[in-house]
Amino acid sequence: MPASQEFDPLAGRSSLRAGLNLLGIERLALTIYNTAFPSLSEEELGCGSPYSHGGHAFMRFAHELGFDTLILGPQGQTHATQRSPYAGCAFFRNLLAVAPLPLTSPRLNLLSQTHLQRLVRGAPVSQGGAALDRVDFAYAWNSARGLLDGAVAGLSQASEALVPMQAAFRTYVQEQLTTGSWLERGCLFSALAETRGTDDWARWPEADRHLYRDVEASRGGKRISGLLQSLKKPVEQAALGQFLLQWQHSDLEREARSLGLALWTEVNASLLPQSLQDAWAYGEHLPSLQSRIQHWQDHFDGVQVVDVENSGTAKFVSTTAVDEPPVWSRAASAQSAEEEAAKTFAAGHTHVAVLFTDLFGLKDSYAGSTAPAEARFALRVPADYARTYPANARATAALDLRRVVALALRSKVHNNASSALATALMAEAAHAPF
């Protein structure tokens, strides 16, 4: 049974929405990175995914808490040694997000249970067998490649059940793997990195380093065509990864829509390539920000443009500070998590976002001068989140949204109705039958 089913939904969800309305908050979002989602034990591969069974369960849990929007971090492919989602590709989806259990479903059977169990068996877990509260990037990368290898083998089977998926993938390749497209560039980079033994393209043969800069010259275009043919197998394998991610995202969209939950994603506003792949594919400047926004708007309900050097670009105002290192650290003067969050809720913003590290009281896990700069990107929602969340929220190590809204009402709205609602929310928080 998914962990979210252990948690009793908020009895006063309508009271919470009433309080948000009085504060003028139209959208309440939870921001979470792909790798931070919890996994079920039978799908644990070193990191989380919104498309996993555990990811779907967590989405339902967030909805039960009172969130109406889920903001996923940037979706672009990251580097094995560069863990920040803000340093990912502009268009190419992150292979780490491929969820294994949907690939083993009876209606698809693209991945064998034996193959998956072999990958899961070596994953780092707690003594009780639960997923760790940290991402193991090294294992996750190896697992992602292993999943894709298994899916490639599965798709090549002569099975009547696979015919629709095989046809859909052929159509995807025909329509998306076009000359100069983001998919062509990304898949060719992946294929070259595999055959050259490194994704550091500065170490590749001279002829392969600047292919897309030489497209106008005949040798660039001809060499690209030749490589796409000679490397057809690894190119199509990379394309399959993108196809599977799009397919799994469609499943997540359908469930979110049934809940009335909006799915947003973040897009890095920088015009400079943040990844080795994009630097190779586009040179010194990425395609326009508008084209990148449009790319992701085709798959999400909304896009949150993020520029860490200028927090004013964000549509959602976060409960965490964005103007001092580390990027998502709390203000040092805050006496409690909920008091700090209440200031944001009472500030007159129509869109408010809560970072998952605040919701679960994980700030102390990465704060401090000795913590690695990217430690926050290795954090995950605790595996037993449904059981530990209420206790942590009551201890103010995490955020209880009812108390946050009650505090915001008391500081901003001064009338009998708001006072009564704040009291009711506090009572619900104190006596909820968790």
Protein backbone atom coordinates (compact mmCIF):
# COMPACT_ATOMS: atom_id res chain seq x y z
CA MET A 1 0.00 0.00 0.00
CA PRO A 2 1.42 3.44 -0.92
CA ALA A 3 2.69 5.41 2.04
CA SER A 4 0.23 8.22 1.38
CA GLN A 5 -2.66 5.92 2.27
CA GLU A 6 -1.36 5.68 5.84
CA PHE A 7 -2.01 9.38 6.26
CA ASP A 8 -5.44 10.70 7.20
CA PRO A 9 -6.26 13.60 4.82
CA LEU A 10 -6.87 17.02 6.29
CA ALA A 11 -10.30 17.09 7.85
CA GLY A 12 -10.42 20.86 7.44
CA ARG A 13 -9.25 21.18 3.84
CA SER A 14 -12.12 23.56 3.09
CA SER A 15 -11.08 25.70 6.06
CA LEU A 16 -7.55 25.88 4.69
CA ARG A 17 -8.85 27.00 1.30
CA ALA A 18 -11.06 29.59 2.97
CA GLY A 19 -8.04 30.95 4.81
CA LEU A 20 -6.01 31.13 1.60
CA ASN A 21 -8.86 33.00 -0.07
CA LEU A 22 -8.91 35.58 2.73
CA LEU A 23 -5.17 36.03 2.23
CA GLY A 24 -5.65 36.49 -1.52
CA ILE A 25 -3.65 33.37 -2.39
CA GLU A 26 -5.00 31.84 -5.59
CA ARG A 27 -2.42 29.08 -5.95
CA LEU A 28 -0.52 27.13 -3.32
CA ALA A 29 2.32 25.14 -4.84
CA LEU A 30 4.77 22.54 -3.60
CA THR A 31 8.17 22.69 -5.30
CA ILE A 32 10.12 19.44 -5.54
CA TYR A 33 12.96 18.14 -7.71
CA ASN A 34 12.50 14.92 -9.68
CA THR A 35 15.14 12.99 -7.77
CA ALA A 36 13.62 14.00 -4.40
CA PHE A 37 10.46 11.91 -4.77
CA PRO A 38 10.12 8.85 -2.52
CA SER A 39 10.19 5.35 -4.02
CA LEU A 40 8.55 2.09 -3.12
CA SER A 41 11.04 -0.58 -2.07
CA GLU A 42 10.48 -2.62 -5.24
CA GLU A 43 11.41 0.32 -7.48
CA GLU A 44 14.27 1.93 -5.52
CA LEU A 45 17.21 2.65 -7.83
CA GLY A 46 19.13 5.32 -5.95
CA CYS A 47 16.88 8.30 -6.64
CA GLY A 48 13.22 9.20 -6.96
CA SER A 49 11.03 10.03 -9.92
CA PRO A 50 7.64 11.76 -10.20
CA TYR A 51 6.64 8.96 -12.60
CA SER A 52 7.32 6.12 -10.16
CA HIS A 53 4.58 4.46 -8.12
CA GLY A 54 6.02 6.24 -5.09
CA GLY A 55 5.96 9.51 -7.04
CA HIS A 56 2.28 9.14 -7.90
CA ALA A 57 1.50 8.32 -4.24
CA PHE A 58 3.38 11.41 -3.08
CA MET A 59 1.47 13.59 -5.53
CA ARG A 60 -1.78 12.35 -3.97
CA PHE A 61 -0.35 13.08 -0.52
CA ALA A 62 0.50 16.67 -1.52
CA HIS A 63 -3.04 17.12 -2.79
CA GLU A 64 -4.44 15.80 0.49
CA LEU A 65 -2.36 18.34 2.41
CA GLY A 66 -4.02 21.17 0.50
CA PHE A 67 -1.67 21.96 -2.38
CA ASP A 68 -3.30 22.70 -5.72
CA THR A 69 -0.09 22.92 -7.78
CA LEU A 70 3.06 20.83 -8.01
CA ILE A 71 6.15 22.59 -9.37
CA LEU A 72 8.79 20.16 -10.56
CA GLY A 73 12.33 21.46 -10.80
CA PRO A 74 14.01 21.88 -14.22
CA GLN A 75 13.56 18.73 -16.29
CA GLY A 76 16.76 18.83 -18.35
CA GLN A 77 19.42 16.13 -18.50
CA THR A 78 22.10 16.62 -15.87
CA HIS A 79 25.71 15.46 -15.81
CA ALA A 80 27.03 12.52 -13.81
CA THR A 81 29.14 14.89 -11.70
CA GLN A 82 26.86 17.95 -11.94
CA ARG A 83 23.86 17.25 -9.71
CA SER A 84 22.04 20.56 -9.83
CA PRO A 85 18.86 20.44 -11.95
CA TYR A 86 19.57 24.10 -12.76
CA ALA A 87 22.68 22.96 -14.62
CA GLY A 88 20.73 20.59 -16.86
CA CYS A 89 19.92 20.71 -20.55
CA ALA A 90 17.45 23.20 -21.95
CA PHE A 91 15.32 20.63 -23.81
CA PHE A 92 16.62 17.08 -23.35
CA ARG A 93 14.83 15.33 -20.46
CA ASN A 94 16.75 13.77 -17.60
CA LEU A 95 17.10 10.00 -17.95
CA LEU A 96 17.21 9.71 -14.15
CA ALA A 97 13.45 10.29 -14.14
CA VAL A 98 12.56 7.09 -16.01
CA ALA A 99 10.44 5.03 -13.60
CA PRO A 100 10.95 1.25 -13.69
CA LEU A 101 7.66 -0.29 -12.52
CA PRO A 102 5.52 1.16 -15.36
CA LEU A 103 7.89 -0.59 -17.79
CA THR A 104 7.08 -3.97 -16.19
CA SER A 105 3.29 -3.60 -16.33
CA PRO A 106 1.47 -6.64 -17.81
CA ARG A 107 -0.04 -4.55 -20.59
CA LEU A 108 3.43 -3.52 -21.71
CA ASN A 109 6.06 -5.91 -20.31
CA LEU A 110 8.85 -3.79 -21.77
CA LEU A 111 11.14 -4.64 -18.86
CA SER A 112 11.40 -8.03 -17.18
CA GLN A 113 10.90 -8.33 -13.44
CA THR A 114 14.20 -10.22 -13.29
CA HIS A 115 16.05 -7.30 -14.89
CA LEU A 116 14.48 -4.81 -12.50
CA GLN A 117 15.07 -6.96 -9.43
CA ARG A 118 18.73 -7.23 -10.34
CA LEU A 119 19.01 -3.44 -10.41
CA VAL A 120 16.98 -2.97 -7.20
CA ARG A 121 18.99 -5.61 -5.34
CA GLY A 122 22.13 -3.47 -5.32
CA ALA A 123 20.47 -0.16 -4.47
CA PRO A 124 21.53 1.49 -1.19
CA VAL A 125 18.68 1.15 1.33
CA SER A 126 18.16 1.35 5.08
CA GLN A 127 18.37 -1.68 7.36
CA GLY A 128 14.62 -2.02 7.09
CA GLY A 129 14.83 -2.05 3.30
CA ALA A 130 13.33 1.43 2.80
CA ALA A 131 14.81 3.92 0.38
CA LEU A 132 17.42 6.24 1.84
CA ASP A 133 16.63 9.92 2.40
CA ARG A 134 19.51 10.86 0.09
CA VAL A 135 20.08 10.44 -3.62
CA ASP A 136 22.91 8.10 -4.54
CA PHE A 137 23.79 9.72 -7.86
CA ALA A 138 26.42 7.18 -8.87
CA TYR A 139 24.04 4.24 -8.42
CA ALA A 140 21.14 6.18 -9.94
CA TRP A 141 23.11 6.88 -13.12
CA ASN A 142 24.12 3.25 -13.52
CA SER A 143 20.54 2.18 -12.85
CA ALA A 144 19.15 4.59 -15.45
CA ARG A 145 21.47 3.20 -18.08
CA GLY A 146 20.56 -0.34 -17.03
CA LEU A 147 16.86 0.46 -17.31
CA LEU A 148 17.29 1.86 -20.80
CA ASP A 149 19.33 -1.17 -21.90
CA GLY A 150 16.55 -3.43 -20.64
CA ALA A 151 13.85 -1.35 -22.34
CA VAL A 152 15.72 -1.43 -25.66
CA ALA A 153 15.95 -5.22 -25.47
CA GLY A 154 12.30 -5.46 -24.48
CA LEU A 155 11.06 -3.26 -27.32
CA SER A 156 12.87 -5.42 -29.87
CA GLN A 157 10.85 -8.50 -28.90
CA ALA A 158 8.41 -10.01 -31.37
CA SER A 159 5.36 -9.65 -29.15
CA GLU A 160 1.84 -8.73 -30.19
CA ALA A 161 1.41 -6.78 -26.95
CA LEU A 162 4.35 -4.55 -27.91
CA VAL A 163 3.10 -3.68 -31.41
CA PRO A 164 1.31 -0.45 -30.35
CA MET A 165 4.37 0.76 -28.41
CA GLN A 166 6.70 -0.11 -31.27
CA ALA A 167 4.51 1.79 -33.70
CA ALA A 168 4.26 4.78 -31.38
CA PHE A 169 8.04 4.90 -30.99
CA ARG A 170 8.56 4.75 -34.78
CA THR A 171 6.16 7.67 -35.17
CA TYR A 172 7.96 9.60 -32.42
CA VAL A 173 11.32 9.16 -34.16
CA GLN A 174 9.91 10.17 -37.54
CA GLU A 175 8.25 13.30 -36.18
CA GLN A 176 10.80 14.45 -33.59
CA LEU A 177 14.22 13.21 -34.71
CA THR A 178 14.40 15.78 -37.50
CA THR A 179 17.36 17.68 -38.91
CA GLY A 180 18.82 20.07 -36.34
CA SER A 181 16.10 19.39 -33.75
CA TRP A 182 16.79 19.34 -30.03
CA LEU A 183 16.19 15.58 -30.10
CA GLU A 184 18.71 15.01 -32.89
CA ARG A 185 21.36 17.09 -31.12
CA GLY A 186 20.77 15.41 -27.77
CA CYS A 187 20.68 11.87 -29.12
CA LEU A 188 23.77 12.37 -31.26
CA PHE A 189 25.62 13.79 -28.25
CA SER A 190 24.62 10.75 -26.18
CA ALA A 191 25.71 8.37 -28.94
CA LEU A 192 29.06 10.11 -29.40
CA ALA A 193 29.67 10.20 -25.64
CA GLU A 194 29.03 6.46 -25.48
CA THR A 195 31.31 5.59 -28.40
CA ARG A 196 34.06 8.03 -27.38
CA GLY A 197 33.97 6.84 -23.77
CA THR A 198 33.41 10.32 -22.31
CA ASP A 199 30.88 13.15 -22.44
CA ASP A 200 33.68 15.70 -22.21
CA TRP A 201 33.49 16.65 -25.88
CA ALA A 202 36.69 18.69 -25.66
CA ARG A 203 38.44 15.30 -25.63
CA TRP A 204 36.66 14.04 -28.76
CA PRO A 205 38.29 14.02 -32.21
CA GLU A 206 38.41 17.49 -33.72
CA ALA A 207 35.87 16.58 -36.41
CA ASP A 208 33.20 15.87 -33.76
CA ARG A 209 33.68 18.84 -31.46
CA HIS A 210 31.83 21.53 -33.40
CA LEU A 211 29.46 19.67 -35.70
CA TYR A 212 26.53 22.04 -35.35
CA ARG A 213 28.70 25.10 -35.73
CA ASP A 214 29.75 23.76 -39.11
CA VAL A 215 26.28 22.89 -40.38
CA GLU A 216 26.36 25.68 -42.95
CA ALA A 217 29.62 24.27 -44.24
CA SER A 218 29.02 21.12 -46.22
CA ARG A 219 31.41 19.03 -44.13
CA GLY A 220 29.44 19.69 -40.95
CA GLY A 221 26.09 18.69 -42.41
CA LYS A 222 27.50 15.66 -44.21
CA ARG A 223 29.28 14.40 -41.13
CA ILE A 224 26.13 14.74 -39.01
CA SER A 225 24.19 12.67 -41.54
CA GLY A 226 26.94 10.08 -41.63
CA LEU A 227 27.12 9.81 -37.85
CA LEU A 228 23.36 9.46 -37.54
CA GLN A 229 23.59 6.43 -39.81
CA SER A 230 26.73 4.85 -38.37
CA LEU A 231 25.53 5.43 -34.79
CA LYS A 232 21.89 4.61 -35.48
CA LYS A 233 21.58 2.09 -32.64
CA PRO A 234 22.84 4.35 -29.77
CA VAL A 235 21.01 7.34 -31.29
CA GLU A 236 17.70 5.47 -31.25
CA GLN A 237 18.43 4.16 -27.77
CA ALA A 238 18.78 7.75 -26.54
CA ALA A 239 15.57 8.65 -28.38
CA LEU A 240 13.78 5.77 -26.64
CA GLY A 241 14.70 7.28 -23.28
CA GLN A 242 13.06 10.57 -24.29
CA PHE A 243 10.03 8.74 -25.66
CA LEU A 244 9.54 6.79 -22.43
CA LEU A 245 9.83 9.95 -20.34
CA GLN A 246 7.17 11.65 -22.45
CA TRP A 247 4.92 8.59 -22.18
CA GLN A 248 5.30 8.39 -18.39
CA HIS A 249 4.73 12.13 -18.08
CA SER A 250 1.39 11.73 -19.89
CA ASP A 251 0.32 9.19 -17.25
CA LEU A 252 1.23 11.65 -14.48
CA GLU A 253 -0.68 14.42 -16.22
CA ARG A 254 -3.81 12.30 -16.39
CA GLU A 255 -3.76 11.53 -12.67
CA ALA A 256 -2.96 15.13 -11.73
CA ARG A 257 -5.87 16.31 -13.85
CA SER A 258 -8.22 13.87 -12.13
CA LEU A 259 -7.19 15.36 -8.78
CA GLY A 260 -7.53 18.93 -9.95
CA LEU A 261 -3.80 19.42 -9.38
CA ALA A 262 -1.81 21.60 -11.77
CA LEU A 263 1.67 20.49 -12.90
CA TRP A 264 4.28 23.19 -13.46
CA THR A 265 7.99 23.01 -14.19
CA GLU A 266 10.89 25.39 -13.69
CA VAL A 267 12.96 26.74 -16.57
CA ASN A 268 16.37 28.29 -16.09
CA ALA A 269 16.38 31.83 -17.49
CA SER A 270 20.08 31.84 -18.34
CA LEU A 271 21.01 32.23 -22.00
CA LEU A 272 24.33 30.48 -21.39
CA PRO A 273 24.53 26.69 -21.77
CA GLN A 274 24.58 25.05 -18.33
CA SER A 275 25.51 21.53 -19.45
CA LEU A 276 28.24 19.91 -21.52
CA GLN A 277 25.58 18.65 -23.91
CA ASP A 278 24.09 22.09 -24.57
CA ALA A 279 27.51 23.71 -24.92
CA TRP A 280 28.31 21.16 -27.62
CA ALA A 281 24.89 21.35 -29.28
CA TYR A 282 24.37 25.14 -29.26
CA GLY A 283 27.71 26.78 -28.68
CA GLU A 284 27.90 29.85 -26.47
CA HIS A 285 24.21 30.79 -26.58
CA LEU A 286 21.07 28.74 -26.08
CA PRO A 287 17.94 29.23 -28.19
CA SER A 288 15.74 32.06 -26.93
CA LEU A 289 14.15 31.83 -23.51
CA GLN A 290 10.73 32.08 -25.15
CA SER A 291 11.40 29.01 -27.29
CA ARG A 292 12.47 27.09 -24.19
CA ILE A 293 9.38 28.20 -22.28
CA GLN A 294 7.16 27.13 -25.17
CA HIS A 295 8.86 23.73 -25.32
CA TRP A 296 7.93 22.96 -21.71
CA GLN A 297 4.52 24.65 -21.84
CA ASP A 298 3.54 22.01 -24.37
CA HIS A 299 3.87 19.42 -21.59
CA PHE A 300 3.00 21.30 -18.39
CA ASP A 301 0.16 23.49 -17.13
CA GLY A 302 2.59 26.31 -16.42
CA VAL A 303 6.24 27.31 -16.39
CA GLN A 304 8.11 28.96 -13.53
CA VAL A 305 11.00 30.98 -14.95
CA VAL A 306 13.88 30.91 -12.47
CA ASP A 307 16.85 33.22 -12.44
CA VAL A 308 18.77 32.71 -9.19
CA GLU A 309 20.53 36.02 -9.73
CA ASN A 310 17.23 37.89 -9.93
CA SER A 311 14.47 36.34 -7.83
CA GLY A 312 11.99 38.95 -9.07
CA THR A 313 11.53 36.95 -12.27
CA ALA A 314 9.64 34.22 -10.42
CA LYS A 315 5.85 34.08 -10.66
CA PHE A 316 5.61 32.04 -7.47
CA VAL A 317 7.07 33.54 -4.31
CA SER A 318 8.81 30.86 -2.27
CA THR A 319 8.70 30.49 1.48
CA THR A 320 12.48 30.21 1.36
CA ALA A 321 15.01 32.95 0.75
CA VAL A 322 16.52 33.15 -2.75
CA ASP A 323 18.91 36.02 -2.14
CA GLU A 324 21.58 34.43 0.03
CA PRO A 325 23.63 31.23 -0.21
CA PRO A 326 22.70 28.46 -0.30
CA VAL A 327 19.95 29.38 -2.74
CA TRP A 328 17.11 27.81 -0.75
CA SER A 329 18.35 28.60 2.79
CA ARG A 330 16.11 30.08 5.46
CA ALA A 331 16.54 33.55 6.86
CA ALA A 332 18.80 33.15 9.90
CA SER A 333 16.55 35.32 12.06
CA ALA A 334 13.48 33.09 11.75
CA GLN A 335 12.32 31.81 15.15
CA SER A 336 10.29 28.96 13.65
CA ALA A 337 9.64 27.51 10.23
CA GLU A 338 5.95 28.31 10.40
CA GLU A 339 6.44 31.91 11.56
CA GLU A 340 8.77 32.54 8.65
CA ALA A 341 6.42 30.92 6.16
CA ALA A 342 3.49 32.93 7.54
CA LYS A 343 5.27 36.16 6.60
CA THR A 344 5.28 35.10 2.97
CA PHE A 345 1.66 33.94 3.11
CA ALA A 346 0.61 37.31 4.55
CA ALA A 347 2.64 39.43 2.13
CA GLY A 348 -0.08 39.80 -0.49
CA HIS A 349 1.22 37.35 -3.10
CA THR A 350 -1.34 35.57 -5.25
CA HIS A 351 0.98 32.62 -5.95
CA VAL A 352 2.93 31.04 -3.08
CA ALA A 353 5.26 28.04 -3.26
CA VAL A 354 6.63 25.87 -0.47
CA LEU A 355 9.85 23.94 -1.06
CA PHE A 356 9.66 20.26 -0.07
CA THR A 357 12.65 20.69 2.27
CA ASP A 358 10.61 23.19 4.29
CA LEU A 359 7.51 21.02 4.30
CA PHE A 360 9.47 18.14 5.84
CA GLY A 361 11.87 20.14 8.00
CA LEU A 362 14.99 19.07 6.09
CA LYS A 363 16.75 22.45 6.18
CA ASP A 364 19.25 21.41 8.86
CA SER A 365 20.33 18.50 6.68
CA TYR A 366 22.13 20.76 4.25
CA ALA A 367 22.58 24.11 6.03
CA GLY A 368 25.92 25.24 7.33
CA SER A 369 29.25 26.25 5.88
CA THR A 370 30.57 22.67 5.85
CA ALA A 371 27.77 21.34 3.65
CA PRO A 372 28.67 20.79 -0.02
CA ALA A 373 27.23 23.43 -2.34
CA GLU A 374 24.98 20.85 -4.02
CA ALA A 375 23.97 18.95 -0.87
CA ARG A 376 20.40 20.25 -1.11
CA PHE A 377 19.98 18.49 -4.46
CA ALA A 378 20.73 15.13 -2.85
CA LEU A 379 17.85 15.42 -0.37
CA ARG A 380 14.75 13.28 -0.75
CA VAL A 381 11.34 13.13 0.84
CA PRO A 382 11.69 10.71 3.79
CA ALA A 383 10.52 7.21 2.90
CA ASP A 384 8.11 7.20 5.88
CA TYR A 385 6.86 10.72 5.13
CA ALA A 386 3.21 9.92 5.82
CA ARG A 387 3.98 8.81 9.37
CA THR A 388 6.68 11.35 10.32
CA TYR A 389 5.22 14.47 8.73
CA PRO A 390 2.55 15.23 11.39
CA ALA A 391 5.01 14.87 14.29
CA ASN A 392 7.63 17.04 12.59
CA ALA A 393 5.05 19.66 11.72
CA ARG A 394 3.84 19.83 15.31
CA ALA A 395 7.43 20.24 16.47
CA THR A 396 7.76 23.14 13.95
CA ALA A 397 10.67 21.38 12.26
CA ALA A 398 8.32 21.23 9.28
CA LEU A 399 5.35 23.23 8.05
CA ASP A 400 1.76 22.50 9.08
CA LEU A 401 -0.12 24.50 6.46
CA ARG A 402 -3.10 25.05 8.78
CA ARG A 403 -0.95 26.71 11.42
CA VAL A 404 0.93 28.71 8.79
CA VAL A 405 -2.31 30.09 7.36
CA ALA A 406 -3.68 30.76 10.86
CA LEU A 407 -0.56 32.76 11.77
CA ALA A 408 -0.78 34.69 8.49
CA LEU A 409 -4.45 35.51 9.09
CA ARG A 410 -3.75 36.81 12.58
CA SER A 411 -0.99 39.07 11.30
CA LYS A 412 -2.78 40.43 8.24
CA VAL A 413 -6.58 40.17 8.42
CA HIS A 414 -8.23 41.63 11.49
CA ASN A 415 -11.94 40.88 11.72
CA ASN A 416 -14.19 38.43 13.51
CA ALA A 417 -14.43 36.03 10.56
CA SER A 418 -10.65 35.76 10.09
CA SER A 419 -10.09 35.43 13.83
CA ALA A 420 -12.61 32.59 14.06
CA LEU A 421 -11.10 30.85 11.04
CA ALA A 422 -7.58 31.15 12.45
CA THR A 423 -8.74 29.63 15.73
CA ALA A 424 -10.47 26.79 13.87
CA LEU A 425 -7.34 26.05 11.83
CA MET A 426 -5.18 25.97 14.95
CA ALA A 427 -7.63 23.59 16.60
CA GLU A 428 -7.65 21.31 13.58
CA ALA A 429 -3.87 21.22 13.58
CA ALA A 430 -3.76 20.37 17.27
CA HIS A 431 -6.44 17.68 17.27
CA ALA A 432 -6.25 16.11 13.82
CA PRO A 433 -6.49 12.30 14.12
CA PHE A 434 -3.19 11.50 12.43
